[in-house]
Amino acid sequence: QVQVVESGGGSVQGGGSLRLSCAASGNTHSINCMGWLRQAPGKEREGVAHIYRLHGTSYYASTVKGRFTISQDNAKNTLFLQMNSLKPEDTAMYYCAAGIFYNDCRTLSDYNYWGQGTRVTVSS
């Protein structure tokens, strides 16, 4: 069992920045990868970025590449998402999630444990 809790959401003007954090606990040894996902009103949930715990290899959705950076502090079991140059279309509920064992975080079904979400609102 893994527990994940997000924090750091809030309201910001377009062009601004936010840094989201995610704390993992429980059987963290089982985590293969962690990711950030988001769901905007009226839209389906989508992957934003994910990172592999052991090697730190990261991947980004094309919509955020160059603006967002995912990182991790494995010693503290913490995941981060630095969001720069925010746009109104980034407004969404952001979720932290973990894929364990052989799940590789490539699709939504790969995530075994989810946080409660933290809301990000970007105004124009």
Protein backbone atom coordinates (compact mmCIF):
# COMPACT_ATOMS: atom_id res chain seq x y z
CA GLN A 1 0.00 0.00 0.00
CA VAL A 2 1.22 3.46 -0.96
CA GLN A 3 -0.21 6.79 0.10
CA VAL A 4 0.41 9.95 -1.91
CA VAL A 5 -0.54 13.48 -0.93
CA GLU A 6 -0.24 16.54 -3.17
CA SER A 7 0.19 20.14 -2.14
CA GLY A 8 1.15 23.48 -3.62
CA GLY A 9 -1.82 24.28 -5.80
CA GLY A 10 -3.38 27.69 -5.91
CA SER A 11 -4.30 30.61 -8.12
CA VAL A 12 -1.80 32.42 -10.30
CA GLN A 13 -1.87 34.82 -13.21
CA GLY A 14 -0.92 33.74 -16.69
CA GLY A 15 2.84 33.66 -17.11
CA GLY A 16 3.34 32.91 -13.45
CA SER A 17 4.78 29.88 -11.72
CA LEU A 18 3.77 27.28 -9.18
CA ARG A 19 5.57 24.36 -7.64
CA LEU A 20 3.58 21.29 -6.71
CA SER A 21 4.81 18.74 -4.20
CA CYS A 22 3.79 15.16 -3.57
CA ALA A 23 4.71 13.13 -0.52
CA ALA A 24 4.67 9.34 -0.80
CA SER A 25 4.52 7.00 2.16
CA GLY A 26 3.85 3.38 2.94
CA ASN A 27 5.49 0.74 0.78
CA THR A 28 7.53 3.21 -1.21
CA HIS A 29 10.02 0.49 -2.11
CA SER A 30 7.43 -0.86 -4.53
CA ILE A 31 7.23 2.34 -6.58
CA ASN A 32 8.62 2.08 -10.08
CA CYS A 33 7.51 5.48 -11.32
CA MET A 34 5.51 8.48 -10.29
CA GLY A 35 3.62 10.98 -12.34
CA TRP A 36 1.55 14.10 -12.41
CA LEU A 37 -1.81 14.02 -14.11
CA ARG A 38 -4.52 16.61 -14.46
CA GLN A 39 -8.17 16.94 -15.25
CA ALA A 40 -9.71 20.17 -16.44
CA PRO A 41 -13.45 20.84 -16.21
CA GLY A 42 -15.28 18.97 -18.95
CA LYS A 43 -12.16 17.15 -20.10
CA GLU A 44 -10.78 13.71 -19.49
CA ARG A 45 -7.83 13.09 -17.22
CA GLU A 46 -4.47 13.32 -18.95
CA GLY A 47 -0.89 12.63 -18.08
CA VAL A 48 1.32 15.66 -17.59
CA ALA A 49 4.69 14.14 -16.76
CA HIS A 50 6.19 11.09 -15.15
CA ILE A 51 9.55 10.02 -13.83
CA TYR A 52 11.21 6.72 -13.06
CA ARG A 53 12.36 6.40 -9.47
CA LEU A 54 15.59 4.54 -10.03
CA HIS A 55 17.12 6.37 -12.99
CA GLY A 56 15.27 9.67 -13.01
CA THR A 57 14.26 9.44 -16.65
CA SER A 58 11.35 11.76 -17.26
CA TYR A 59 8.67 12.27 -19.90
CA TYR A 60 6.32 15.13 -20.63
CA ALA A 61 3.11 15.72 -22.46
CA SER A 62 3.64 17.89 -25.51
CA THR A 63 1.38 20.56 -24.06
CA VAL A 64 3.71 21.22 -21.13
CA LYS A 65 7.13 20.33 -22.50
CA GLY A 66 9.54 23.20 -22.05
CA ARG A 67 7.41 24.82 -19.37
CA PHE A 68 7.07 22.16 -16.68
CA THR A 69 9.80 20.18 -14.95
CA ILE A 70 9.26 17.02 -12.94
CA SER A 71 11.81 16.06 -10.31
CA GLN A 72 12.12 13.85 -7.27
CA ASP A 73 13.91 13.57 -3.97
CA ASN A 74 13.95 9.85 -3.37
CA ALA A 75 15.55 10.18 0.06
CA LYS A 76 12.47 12.11 1.16
CA ASN A 77 10.00 10.19 -1.02
CA THR A 78 8.92 13.46 -2.54
CA LEU A 79 7.92 14.36 -6.08
CA PHE A 80 7.79 17.87 -7.51
CA LEU A 81 6.35 19.62 -10.50
CA GLN A 82 7.76 23.04 -11.30
CA MET A 83 5.30 24.84 -13.53
CA ASN A 84 6.49 27.96 -15.32
CA SER A 85 4.90 30.16 -17.96
CA LEU A 86 1.48 29.01 -16.87
CA LYS A 87 -1.43 29.43 -19.23
CA PRO A 88 -5.17 29.54 -18.55
CA GLU A 89 -5.49 26.16 -20.26
CA ASP A 90 -3.32 24.69 -17.50
CA THR A 91 -6.20 25.22 -15.10
CA ALA A 92 -7.10 21.81 -13.72
CA MET A 93 -7.09 19.52 -10.75
CA TYR A 94 -3.60 18.09 -10.57
CA TYR A 95 -3.04 14.59 -9.24
CA CYS A 96 0.07 12.81 -8.09
CA ALA A 97 0.08 9.07 -8.68
CA ALA A 98 2.43 6.11 -8.33
CA GLY A 99 2.97 3.03 -10.47
CA ILE A 100 4.35 0.02 -8.66
CA PHE A 101 6.45 -2.95 -9.76
CA TYR A 102 6.08 -3.46 -13.50
CA ASN A 103 3.70 -0.58 -14.13
CA ASP A 104 5.57 2.04 -16.12
CA CYS A 105 3.30 5.11 -15.95
CA ARG A 106 2.77 5.28 -19.71
CA THR A 107 -1.01 5.19 -19.44
CA LEU A 108 -3.59 6.00 -16.80
CA SER A 109 -4.09 2.32 -16.08
CA ASP A 110 -0.45 2.03 -15.01
CA TYR A 111 -1.04 4.10 -11.90
CA ASN A 112 -1.92 2.05 -8.85
CA TYR A 113 -2.19 4.75 -6.21
CA TRP A 114 -3.53 8.26 -6.49
CA GLY A 115 -3.50 11.38 -4.39
CA GLN A 116 -6.54 13.48 -3.64
CA GLY A 117 -5.59 16.23 -6.06
CA THR A 118 -4.59 19.86 -5.72
CA ARG A 119 -6.30 22.57 -7.71
CA VAL A 120 -4.43 24.93 -10.01
CA THR A 121 -6.19 27.97 -11.41
CA VAL A 122 -4.50 30.21 -13.96
CA SER A 123 -6.21 33.48 -14.76
CA SER A 124 -5.71 35.53 -17.89
